[in-house]
Amino acid sequence: MLKLYAIHKERPFFGELVEYMTVRTYCGCHFRKDNAVEDFRTLIGATNPAEAAEELSGNCLLLPGENAVHGR
């Protein structure tokens, strides 16, 4: 899990991110298709609840940094 978020290691929220992601059960998914990353990011929407489209991830967001869906 730490490798997945290593790109954020210098950011001030890194410690909280690691703690949040490691104390919960998660289910990983692997998608194989053309444009999989772009399509998945569109599906999950913005990571900030204030910016999320209501019909997308707005239903899966609790607070900034506490998303029910994470994508990379």
PDB file of N, CA and C in Angstrom:
ATOM      1  N   MET A   1       0.823  -1.194   0.000  1.00  0.00           N
ATOM      2  CA  MET A   1       0.000   0.000   0.000  1.00  0.00           C
ATOM      3  C   MET A   1       0.866   1.257   0.000  1.00  0.00           C
ATOM      4  N   LEU A   2       1.957   1.237   0.745  1.00  0.00           N
ATOM      5  CA  LEU A   2       2.803   2.421   0.784  1.00  0.00           C
ATOM      6  C   LEU A   2       3.400   2.737  -0.578  1.00  0.00           C
ATOM      7  N   LYS A   3       3.727   1.722  -1.364  1.00  0.00           N
ATOM      8  CA  LYS A   3       4.266   1.976  -2.708  1.00  0.00           C
ATOM      9  C   LYS A   3       3.245   2.700  -3.573  1.00  0.00           C
ATOM     10  N   LEU A   4       1.988   2.324  -3.439  1.00  0.00           N
ATOM     11  CA  LEU A   4       0.926   2.925  -4.236  1.00  0.00           C
ATOM     12  C   LEU A   4       0.850   4.430  -4.001  1.00  0.00           C
ATOM     13  N   TYR A   5       1.032   4.850  -2.765  1.00  0.00           N
ATOM     14  CA  TYR A   5       0.913   6.260  -2.430  1.00  0.00           C
ATOM     15  C   TYR A   5       2.250   6.954  -2.229  1.00  0.00           C
ATOM     16  N   ALA A   6       3.341   6.317  -2.598  1.00  0.00           N
ATOM     17  CA  ALA A   6       4.679   6.895  -2.424  1.00  0.00           C
ATOM     18  C   ALA A   6       4.831   8.228  -3.150  1.00  0.00           C
ATOM     19  N   ILE A   7       4.085   8.433  -4.207  1.00  0.00           N
ATOM     20  CA  ILE A   7       4.169   9.703  -4.936  1.00  0.00           C
ATOM     21  C   ILE A   7       3.753  10.889  -4.065  1.00  0.00           C
ATOM     22  N   HIS A   8       3.050  10.614  -2.974  1.00  0.00           N
ATOM     23  CA  HIS A   8       2.590  11.680  -2.075  1.00  0.00           C
ATOM     24  C   HIS A   8       3.441  11.816  -0.816  1.00  0.00           C
ATOM     25  N   LYS A   9       4.549  11.090  -0.721  1.00  0.00           N
ATOM     26  CA  LYS A   9       5.293  11.018   0.540  1.00  0.00           C
ATOM     27  C   LYS A   9       5.797  12.364   1.047  1.00  0.00           C
ATOM     28  N   GLU A  10       5.977  13.330   0.198  1.00  0.00           N
ATOM     29  CA  GLU A  10       6.458  14.647   0.626  1.00  0.00           C
ATOM     30  C   GLU A  10       5.311  15.604   0.965  1.00  0.00           C
ATOM     31  N   ARG A  11       4.106  15.199   0.744  1.00  0.00           N
ATOM     32  CA  ARG A  11       2.963  16.076   0.985  1.00  0.00           C
ATOM     33  C   ARG A  11       2.548  16.022   2.453  1.00  0.00           C
ATOM     34  N   PRO A  12       1.990  17.100   2.964  1.00  0.00           N
ATOM     35  CA  PRO A  12       1.659  17.154   4.389  1.00  0.00           C
ATOM     36  C   PRO A  12       0.594  16.143   4.825  1.00  0.00           C
ATOM     37  N   PHE A  13      -0.220  15.682   3.908  1.00  0.00           N
ATOM     38  CA  PHE A  13      -1.291  14.751   4.262  1.00  0.00           C
ATOM     39  C   PHE A  13      -0.871  13.290   4.195  1.00  0.00           C
ATOM     40  N   PHE A  14       0.388  12.998   3.851  1.00  0.00           N
ATOM     41  CA  PHE A  14       0.819  11.615   3.620  1.00  0.00           C
ATOM     42  C   PHE A  14       0.586  10.706   4.829  1.00  0.00           C
ATOM     43  N   GLY A  15       0.955  11.145   6.007  1.00  0.00           N
ATOM     44  CA  GLY A  15       0.777  10.326   7.206  1.00  0.00           C
ATOM     45  C   GLY A  15      -0.676   9.966   7.435  1.00  0.00           C
ATOM     46  N   GLU A  16      -1.557  10.945   7.308  1.00  0.00           N
ATOM     47  CA  GLU A  16      -2.996  10.694   7.475  1.00  0.00           C
ATOM     48  C   GLU A  16      -3.521   9.766   6.384  1.00  0.00           C
ATOM     49  N   LEU A  17      -3.034   9.927   5.171  1.00  0.00           N
ATOM     50  CA  LEU A  17      -3.447   9.074   4.064  1.00  0.00           C
ATOM     51  C   LEU A  17      -3.072   7.620   4.328  1.00  0.00           C
ATOM     52  N   VAL A  18      -1.840   7.391   4.726  1.00  0.00           N
ATOM     53  CA  VAL A  18      -1.376   6.027   5.008  1.00  0.00           C
ATOM     54  C   VAL A  18      -2.183   5.427   6.146  1.00  0.00           C
ATOM     55  N   GLU A  19      -2.405   6.202   7.198  1.00  0.00           N
ATOM     56  CA  GLU A  19      -3.186   5.699   8.334  1.00  0.00           C
ATOM     57  C   GLU A  19      -4.603   5.328   7.890  1.00  0.00           C
ATOM     58  N   TYR A  20      -5.238   6.209   7.145  1.00  0.00           N
ATOM     59  CA  TYR A  20      -6.605   5.956   6.678  1.00  0.00           C
ATOM     60  C   TYR A  20      -6.681   4.707   5.802  1.00  0.00           C
ATOM     61  N   MET A  21      -5.721   4.556   4.902  1.00  0.00           N
ATOM     62  CA  MET A  21      -5.765   3.448   3.950  1.00  0.00           C
ATOM     63  C   MET A  21      -5.340   2.112   4.558  1.00  0.00           C
ATOM     64  N   THR A  22      -4.661   2.119   5.698  1.00  0.00           N
ATOM     65  CA  THR A  22      -4.172   0.861   6.254  1.00  0.00           C
ATOM     66  C   THR A  22      -4.987   0.343   7.429  1.00  0.00           C
ATOM     67  N   VAL A  23      -5.969   1.064   7.887  1.00  0.00           N
ATOM     68  CA  VAL A  23      -6.778   0.589   9.006  1.00  0.00           C
ATOM     69  C   VAL A  23      -8.126   0.048   8.554  1.00  0.00           C
ATOM     70  N   ARG A  24      -8.350  -0.008   7.255  1.00  0.00           N
ATOM     71  CA  ARG A  24      -9.623  -0.477   6.722  1.00  0.00           C
ATOM     72  C   ARG A  24      -9.403  -1.634   5.755  1.00  0.00           C
ATOM     73  N   THR A  25     -10.437  -2.387   5.569  1.00  0.00           N
ATOM     74  CA  THR A  25     -10.414  -3.443   4.570  1.00  0.00           C
ATOM     75  C   THR A  25     -10.646  -2.798   3.206  1.00  0.00           C
ATOM     76  N   TYR A  26      -9.961  -3.282   2.209  1.00  0.00           N
ATOM     77  CA  TYR A  26     -10.167  -2.733   0.878  1.00  0.00           C
ATOM     78  C   TYR A  26     -10.221  -3.854  -0.151  1.00  0.00           C
ATOM     79  N   CYS A  27     -10.780  -3.525  -1.273  1.00  0.00           N
ATOM     80  CA  CYS A  27     -10.888  -4.459  -2.392  1.00  0.00           C
ATOM     81  C   CYS A  27     -10.202  -3.808  -3.584  1.00  0.00           C
ATOM     82  N   GLY A  28      -9.216  -4.466  -4.112  1.00  0.00           N
ATOM     83  CA  GLY A  28      -8.516  -3.945  -5.277  1.00  0.00           C
ATOM     84  C   GLY A  28      -9.157  -4.439  -6.565  1.00  0.00           C
ATOM     85  N   CYS A  29      -9.105  -3.628  -7.570  1.00  0.00           N
ATOM     86  CA  CYS A  29      -9.641  -3.996  -8.884  1.00  0.00           C
ATOM     87  C   CYS A  29      -8.573  -3.737  -9.939  1.00  0.00           C
ATOM     88  N   HIS A  30      -8.567  -4.577 -10.928  1.00  0.00           N
ATOM     89  CA  HIS A  30      -7.628  -4.433 -12.038  1.00  0.00           C
ATOM     90  C   HIS A  30      -8.463  -4.386 -13.316  1.00  0.00           C
ATOM     91  N   PHE A  31      -8.328  -3.294 -14.067  1.00  0.00           N
ATOM     92  CA  PHE A  31      -9.105  -3.133 -15.293  1.00  0.00           C
ATOM     93  C   PHE A  31      -8.192  -3.248 -16.506  1.00  0.00           C
ATOM     94  N   ARG A  32      -8.645  -3.971 -17.493  1.00  0.00           N
ATOM     95  CA  ARG A  32      -7.904  -4.077 -18.749  1.00  0.00           C
ATOM     96  C   ARG A  32      -8.806  -3.607 -19.879  1.00  0.00           C
ATOM     97  N   LYS A  33      -8.476  -2.469 -20.410  1.00  0.00           N
ATOM     98  CA  LYS A  33      -9.212  -1.932 -21.553  1.00  0.00           C
ATOM     99  C   LYS A  33      -8.464  -0.710 -22.058  1.00  0.00           C
ATOM    100  N   ASP A  34      -8.771  -0.307 -23.258  1.00  0.00           N
ATOM    101  CA  ASP A  34      -8.195   0.926 -23.768  1.00  0.00           C
ATOM    102  C   ASP A  34      -8.675   2.078 -22.891  1.00  0.00           C
ATOM    103  N   ASN A  35      -7.785   2.989 -22.583  1.00  0.00           N
ATOM    104  CA  ASN A  35      -8.115   4.172 -21.775  1.00  0.00           C
ATOM    105  C   ASN A  35      -8.684   3.830 -20.407  1.00  0.00           C
ATOM    106  N   ALA A  36      -8.280   2.719 -19.822  1.00  0.00           N
ATOM    107  CA  ALA A  36      -8.823   2.276 -18.530  1.00  0.00           C
ATOM    108  C   ALA A  36      -8.622   3.315 -17.435  1.00  0.00           C
ATOM    109  N   VAL A  37      -7.446   3.901 -17.361  1.00  0.00           N
ATOM    110  CA  VAL A  37      -7.170   4.870 -16.296  1.00  0.00           C
ATOM    111  C   VAL A  37      -8.065   6.089 -16.446  1.00  0.00           C
ATOM    112  N   GLU A  38      -8.124   6.651 -17.623  1.00  0.00           N
ATOM    113  CA  GLU A  38      -8.948   7.836 -17.846  1.00  0.00           C
ATOM    114  C   GLU A  38     -10.425   7.546 -17.587  1.00  0.00           C
ATOM    115  N   ASP A  39     -10.901   6.402 -18.072  1.00  0.00           N
ATOM    116  CA  ASP A  39     -12.309   6.048 -17.871  1.00  0.00           C
ATOM    117  C   ASP A  39     -12.636   5.827 -16.394  1.00  0.00           C
ATOM    118  N   PHE A  40     -11.730   5.187 -15.661  1.00  0.00           N
ATOM    119  CA  PHE A  40     -11.979   4.958 -14.240  1.00  0.00           C
ATOM    120  C   PHE A  40     -11.977   6.274 -13.470  1.00  0.00           C
ATOM    121  N   ARG A  41     -11.041   7.157 -13.801  1.00  0.00           N
ATOM    122  CA  ARG A  41     -11.014   8.459 -13.127  1.00  0.00           C
ATOM    123  C   ARG A  41     -12.295   9.247 -13.404  1.00  0.00           C
ATOM    124  N   THR A  42     -12.812   9.149 -14.602  1.00  0.00           N
ATOM    125  CA  THR A  42     -14.088   9.799 -14.918  1.00  0.00           C
ATOM    126  C   THR A  42     -15.209   9.182 -14.090  1.00  0.00           C
ATOM    127  N   LEU A  43     -15.201   7.872 -13.980  1.00  0.00           N
ATOM    128  CA  LEU A  43     -16.238   7.175 -13.219  1.00  0.00           C
ATOM    129  C   LEU A  43     -16.225   7.567 -11.747  1.00  0.00           C
ATOM    130  N   ILE A  44     -15.046   7.613 -11.119  1.00  0.00           N
ATOM    131  CA  ILE A  44     -15.000   7.912  -9.691  1.00  0.00           C
ATOM    132  C   ILE A  44     -15.105   9.403  -9.398  1.00  0.00           C
ATOM    133  N   GLY A  45     -14.835  10.241 -10.377  1.00  0.00           N
ATOM    134  CA  GLY A  45     -15.017  11.675 -10.213  1.00  0.00           C
ATOM    135  C   GLY A  45     -13.977  12.331  -9.334  1.00  0.00           C
ATOM    136  N   ALA A  46     -14.281  13.535  -8.894  1.00  0.00           N
ATOM    137  CA  ALA A  46     -13.362  14.347  -8.094  1.00  0.00           C
ATOM    138  C   ALA A  46     -13.151  13.737  -6.713  1.00  0.00           C
ATOM    139  N   THR A  47     -11.971  13.986  -6.150  1.00  0.00           N
ATOM    140  CA  THR A  47     -11.684  13.470  -4.811  1.00  0.00           C
ATOM    141  C   THR A  47     -12.123  14.436  -3.712  1.00  0.00           C
ATOM    142  N   ASN A  48     -12.461  15.639  -4.081  1.00  0.00           N
ATOM    143  CA  ASN A  48     -12.956  16.625  -3.123  1.00  0.00           C
ATOM    144  C   ASN A  48     -14.477  16.638  -3.198  1.00  0.00           C
ATOM    145  N   PRO A  49     -15.171  16.369  -2.076  1.00  0.00           N
ATOM    146  CA  PRO A  49     -16.638  16.335  -2.108  1.00  0.00           C
ATOM    147  C   PRO A  49     -17.267  17.607  -2.666  1.00  0.00           C
ATOM    148  N   ALA A  50     -16.632  18.748  -2.442  1.00  0.00           N
ATOM    149  CA  ALA A  50     -17.174  20.018  -2.943  1.00  0.00           C
ATOM    150  C   ALA A  50     -17.108  20.110  -4.461  1.00  0.00           C
ATOM    151  N   GLU A  51     -16.238  19.321  -5.087  1.00  0.00           N
ATOM    152  CA  GLU A  51     -16.070  19.359  -6.535  1.00  0.00           C
ATOM    153  C   GLU A  51     -16.692  18.160  -7.239  1.00  0.00           C
ATOM    154  N   ALA A  52     -17.201  17.211  -6.484  1.00  0.00           N
ATOM    155  CA  ALA A  52     -17.707  15.969  -7.075  1.00  0.00           C
ATOM    156  C   ALA A  52     -19.074  16.162  -7.710  1.00  0.00           C
ATOM    157  N   ALA A  53     -19.248  15.570  -8.879  1.00  0.00           N
ATOM    158  CA  ALA A  53     -20.552  15.577  -9.524  1.00  0.00           C
ATOM    159  C   ALA A  53     -21.492  14.696  -8.692  1.00  0.00           C
ATOM    160  N   GLU A  54     -22.678  15.154  -8.453  1.00  0.00           N
ATOM    161  CA  GLU A  54     -23.616  14.431  -7.581  1.00  0.00           C
ATOM    162  C   GLU A  54     -23.863  13.004  -8.038  1.00  0.00           C
ATOM    163  N   GLU A  55     -23.952  12.807  -9.345  1.00  0.00           N
ATOM    164  CA  GLU A  55     -24.249  11.466  -9.862  1.00  0.00           C
ATOM    165  C   GLU A  55     -23.031  10.547  -9.882  1.00  0.00           C
ATOM    166  N   LEU A  56     -21.846  11.085  -9.594  1.00  0.00           N
ATOM    167  CA  LEU A  56     -20.648  10.253  -9.591  1.00  0.00           C
ATOM    168  C   LEU A  56     -20.209   9.989  -8.168  1.00  0.00           C
ATOM    169  N   SER A  57     -18.964  10.316  -7.854  1.00  0.00           N
ATOM    170  CA  SER A  57     -18.412   9.947  -6.561  1.00  0.00           C
ATOM    171  C   SER A  57     -18.932  10.800  -5.408  1.00  0.00           C
ATOM    172  N   GLY A  58     -19.729  11.788  -5.678  1.00  0.00           N
ATOM    173  CA  GLY A  58     -20.300  12.571  -4.594  1.00  0.00           C
ATOM    174  C   GLY A  58     -21.045  11.694  -3.604  1.00  0.00           C
ATOM    175  N   ASN A  59     -21.535  10.561  -4.058  1.00  0.00           N
ATOM    176  CA  ASN A  59     -22.229   9.635  -3.181  1.00  0.00           C
ATOM    177  C   ASN A  59     -21.268   8.772  -2.373  1.00  0.00           C
ATOM    178  N   CYS A  60     -19.989   8.773  -2.714  1.00  0.00           N
ATOM    179  CA  CYS A  60     -19.001   7.906  -2.066  1.00  0.00           C
ATOM    180  C   CYS A  60     -17.994   8.689  -1.237  1.00  0.00           C
ATOM    181  N   LEU A  61     -18.170   9.983  -1.107  1.00  0.00           N
ATOM    182  CA  LEU A  61     -17.198  10.801  -0.398  1.00  0.00           C
ATOM    183  C   LEU A  61     -17.706  11.171   0.980  1.00  0.00           C
ATOM    184  N   LEU A  62     -16.821  11.104   1.929  1.00  0.00           N
ATOM    185  CA  LEU A  62     -17.147  11.499   3.289  1.00  0.00           C
ATOM    186  C   LEU A  62     -16.604  12.897   3.565  1.00  0.00           C
ATOM    187  N   LEU A  63     -15.317  13.011   3.567  1.00  0.00           N
ATOM    188  CA  LEU A  63     -14.605  14.269   3.755  1.00  0.00           C
ATOM    189  C   LEU A  63     -13.411  14.259   2.820  1.00  0.00           C
ATOM    190  N   PRO A  64     -12.808  15.411   2.524  1.00  0.00           N
ATOM    191  CA  PRO A  64     -11.591  15.348   1.711  1.00  0.00           C
ATOM    192  C   PRO A  64     -10.587  14.398   2.368  1.00  0.00           C
ATOM    193  N   GLY A  65     -10.065  13.468   1.598  1.00  0.00           N
ATOM    194  CA  GLY A  65      -9.117  12.496   2.112  1.00  0.00           C
ATOM    195  C   GLY A  65      -9.753  11.230   2.654  1.00  0.00           C
ATOM    196  N   GLU A  66     -11.082  11.192   2.751  1.00  0.00           N
ATOM    197  CA  GLU A  66     -11.762  10.005   3.267  1.00  0.00           C
ATOM    198  C   GLU A  66     -12.747   9.471   2.220  1.00  0.00           C
ATOM    199  N   ASN A  67     -12.235   9.214   1.061  1.00  0.00           N
ATOM    200  CA  ASN A  67     -13.064   8.729  -0.046  1.00  0.00           C
ATOM    201  C   ASN A  67     -13.322   7.239   0.102  1.00  0.00           C
ATOM    202  N   ALA A  68     -14.473   6.803  -0.330  1.00  0.00           N
ATOM    203  CA  ALA A  68     -14.768   5.366  -0.354  1.00  0.00           C
ATOM    204  C   ALA A  68     -14.115   4.714  -1.557  1.00  0.00           C
ATOM    205  N   VAL A  69     -13.790   5.493  -2.585  1.00  0.00           N
ATOM    206  CA  VAL A  69     -13.172   4.975  -3.793  1.00  0.00           C
ATOM    207  C   VAL A  69     -11.860   5.707  -4.027  1.00  0.00           C
ATOM    208  N   HIS A  70     -10.798   4.944  -4.238  1.00  0.00           N
ATOM    209  CA  HIS A  70      -9.490   5.525  -4.562  1.00  0.00           C
ATOM    210  C   HIS A  70      -9.042   4.956  -5.891  1.00  0.00           C
ATOM    211  N   GLY A  71      -8.449   5.771  -6.708  1.00  0.00           N
ATOM    212  CA  GLY A  71      -7.946   5.313  -7.991  1.00  0.00           C
ATOM    213  C   GLY A  71      -6.590   5.905  -8.266  1.00  0.00           C
ATOM    214  N   ARG A  72      -5.847   5.168  -9.030  1.00  0.00           N
ATOM    215  CA  ARG A  72      -4.533   5.665  -9.398  1.00  0.00           C
ATOM    216  C   ARG A  72      -4.207   5.304 -10.809  1.00  0.00           C
TER     217      ARG A  72
END
